[in-house]
Amino acid sequence: MRKNRDLIIDFEKLGTICIDEFQQAFIEDIAGVKEFYGVRFVTSPTLRIPVTNEYGDPLIVRGPSGGIITRLDTHHYHPACLDYKL
C-alpha cells in the first residue's frame, strides 16, 4: 500500500481574497518550500481553486464561447530530459 506523501499548502485561513493576493501568497509559499525544505522536483501537481465572488459565494467559470470551465491544462511545457540548466 502506497502512503500519501503529498505536501499540502493550506490557504484556507486566508479566507476570501482577490486572485492577485492569492498569486502572491502562492509564489511566496512555493519559494519557501524550495528554500527552507529543499524541494527541487514535483510530479503532476494539481492546484484546486474554489472560485467565488468577493462575498465568498461560489461562481461558475465560463470560457469565451460561454461553456463552463472546470479544468484548465497548463500551457507551460518543459523538455522531457534533464539536459537543461535548473
C-alpha atoms as a PDB file:
ATOM      1  CA  MET A   1       0.000   0.000   0.000  1.00  0.00           C
ATOM      2  CA  ARG A   2       1.428   3.376  -1.038  1.00  0.00           C
ATOM      3  CA  LYS A   3       1.377   6.077   1.605  1.00  0.00           C
ATOM      4  CA  ASN A   4       0.354   9.584   0.603  1.00  0.00           C
ATOM      5  CA  ARG A   5       3.458  11.746   0.711  1.00  0.00           C
ATOM      6  CA  ASP A   6       1.897  14.845  -0.840  1.00  0.00           C
ATOM      7  CA  LEU A   7       2.836  18.206   0.610  1.00  0.00           C
ATOM      8  CA  ILE A   8      -0.302  20.270   1.184  1.00  0.00           C
ATOM      9  CA  ILE A   9      -0.086  24.063   1.405  1.00  0.00           C
ATOM     10  CA  ASP A  10      -3.294  25.161   3.116  1.00  0.00           C
ATOM     11  CA  PHE A  11      -4.610  28.620   2.185  1.00  0.00           C
ATOM     12  CA  GLU A  12      -7.942  28.185   3.988  1.00  0.00           C
ATOM     13  CA  LYS A  13      -7.044  30.689   6.731  1.00  0.00           C
ATOM     14  CA  LEU A  14      -6.722  33.432   4.101  1.00  0.00           C
ATOM     15  CA  GLY A  15     -10.481  33.357   3.602  1.00  0.00           C
ATOM     16  CA  THR A  16     -11.865  35.155   0.563  1.00  0.00           C
ATOM     17  CA  ILE A  17      -9.104  37.174  -1.120  1.00  0.00           C
ATOM     18  CA  CYS A  18      -8.564  38.626  -4.574  1.00  0.00           C
ATOM     19  CA  ILE A  19      -6.754  36.478  -7.130  1.00  0.00           C
ATOM     20  CA  ASP A  20      -3.738  38.834  -7.120  1.00  0.00           C
ATOM     21  CA  GLU A  21      -3.230  38.346  -3.369  1.00  0.00           C
ATOM     22  CA  PHE A  22      -3.602  34.580  -3.817  1.00  0.00           C
ATOM     23  CA  GLN A  23      -0.994  34.641  -6.581  1.00  0.00           C
ATOM     24  CA  GLN A  24       1.481  36.432  -4.303  1.00  0.00           C
ATOM     25  CA  ALA A  25       0.826  34.029  -1.401  1.00  0.00           C
ATOM     26  CA  PHE A  26       1.224  31.033  -3.707  1.00  0.00           C
ATOM     27  CA  ILE A  27       4.505  32.291  -5.182  1.00  0.00           C
ATOM     28  CA  GLU A  28       5.949  33.058  -1.745  1.00  0.00           C
ATOM     29  CA  ASP A  29       4.930  29.671  -0.330  1.00  0.00           C
ATOM     30  CA  ILE A  30       6.367  27.745  -3.284  1.00  0.00           C
ATOM     31  CA  ALA A  31       9.629  29.707  -2.901  1.00  0.00           C
ATOM     32  CA  GLY A  32       9.622  28.802   0.813  1.00  0.00           C
ATOM     33  CA  VAL A  33       9.113  25.112   0.069  1.00  0.00           C
ATOM     34  CA  LYS A  34      12.117  25.253  -2.240  1.00  0.00           C
ATOM     35  CA  GLU A  35      14.343  27.351   0.038  1.00  0.00           C
ATOM     36  CA  PHE A  36      13.510  26.031   3.513  1.00  0.00           C
ATOM     37  CA  TYR A  37      12.644  22.394   2.765  1.00  0.00           C
ATOM     38  CA  GLY A  38      14.909  21.695  -0.209  1.00  0.00           C
ATOM     39  CA  VAL A  39      12.158  20.541  -2.568  1.00  0.00           C
ATOM     40  CA  ARG A  40      13.529  20.567  -6.097  1.00  0.00           C
ATOM     41  CA  PHE A  41      11.120  18.453  -8.157  1.00  0.00           C
ATOM     42  CA  VAL A  42       7.392  17.678  -8.250  1.00  0.00           C
ATOM     43  CA  THR A  43       5.365  15.251 -10.366  1.00  0.00           C
ATOM     44  CA  SER A  44       1.958  16.130 -11.787  1.00  0.00           C
ATOM     45  CA  PRO A  45       0.975  18.816  -9.252  1.00  0.00           C
ATOM     46  CA  THR A  46      -2.647  19.973  -9.154  1.00  0.00           C
ATOM     47  CA  LEU A  47      -3.946  23.335  -7.970  1.00  0.00           C
ATOM     48  CA  ARG A  48      -7.624  23.418  -6.975  1.00  0.00           C
ATOM     49  CA  ILE A  49      -9.113  26.928  -6.790  1.00  0.00           C
ATOM     50  CA  PRO A  50     -12.605  27.384  -5.310  1.00  0.00           C
ATOM     51  CA  VAL A  51     -13.792  30.373  -7.391  1.00  0.00           C
ATOM     52  CA  THR A  52     -16.067  32.856  -5.581  1.00  0.00           C
ATOM     53  CA  ASN A  53     -17.174  36.453  -5.654  1.00  0.00           C
ATOM     54  CA  GLU A  54     -15.973  38.996  -3.068  1.00  0.00           C
ATOM     55  CA  TYR A  55     -18.533  37.675  -0.554  1.00  0.00           C
ATOM     56  CA  GLY A  56     -17.439  34.040  -0.826  1.00  0.00           C
ATOM     57  CA  ASP A  57     -20.413  32.931  -2.917  1.00  0.00           C
ATOM     58  CA  PRO A  58     -19.436  30.221  -5.469  1.00  0.00           C
ATOM     59  CA  LEU A  59     -19.177  31.296  -9.105  1.00  0.00           C
ATOM     60  CA  ILE A  60     -19.243  29.332 -12.352  1.00  0.00           C
ATOM     61  CA  VAL A  61     -16.276  29.994 -14.649  1.00  0.00           C
ATOM     62  CA  ARG A  62     -17.201  30.308 -18.305  1.00  0.00           C
ATOM     63  CA  GLY A  63     -14.936  30.360 -21.340  1.00  0.00           C
ATOM     64  CA  PRO A  64     -15.111  32.841 -24.229  1.00  0.00           C
ATOM     65  CA  SER A  65     -17.687  30.667 -26.022  1.00  0.00           C
ATOM     66  CA  GLY A  66     -19.913  30.550 -22.923  1.00  0.00           C
ATOM     67  CA  GLY A  67     -19.175  26.950 -21.931  1.00  0.00           C
ATOM     68  CA  ILE A  68     -18.492  26.026 -18.302  1.00  0.00           C
ATOM     69  CA  ILE A  69     -14.798  25.610 -17.449  1.00  0.00           C
ATOM     70  CA  THR A  70     -13.973  23.157 -14.649  1.00  0.00           C
ATOM     71  CA  ARG A  71     -10.408  22.222 -15.567  1.00  0.00           C
ATOM     72  CA  LEU A  72      -7.522  24.032 -17.212  1.00  0.00           C
ATOM     73  CA  ASP A  73      -4.483  22.217 -18.541  1.00  0.00           C
ATOM     74  CA  THR A  74      -1.288  24.220 -18.281  1.00  0.00           C
ATOM     75  CA  HIS A  75       0.275  25.735 -21.375  1.00  0.00           C
ATOM     76  CA  HIS A  76       3.680  25.554 -19.685  1.00  0.00           C
ATOM     77  CA  TYR A  77       5.799  22.716 -21.018  1.00  0.00           C
ATOM     78  CA  HIS A  78       9.390  21.674 -20.404  1.00  0.00           C
ATOM     79  CA  PRO A  79      11.790  19.258 -22.083  1.00  0.00           C
ATOM     80  CA  ALA A  80      11.313  15.609 -21.171  1.00  0.00           C
ATOM     81  CA  CYS A  81      15.023  15.218 -20.409  1.00  0.00           C
ATOM     82  CA  LEU A  82      17.176  16.845 -17.759  1.00  0.00           C
ATOM     83  CA  ASP A  83      19.697  18.257 -20.274  1.00  0.00           C
ATOM     84  CA  TYR A  84      18.824  21.803 -19.310  1.00  0.00           C
ATOM     85  CA  LYS A  85      20.047  24.011 -16.517  1.00  0.00           C
ATOM     86  CA  LEU A  86      17.844  24.136 -13.402  1.00  0.00           C
END
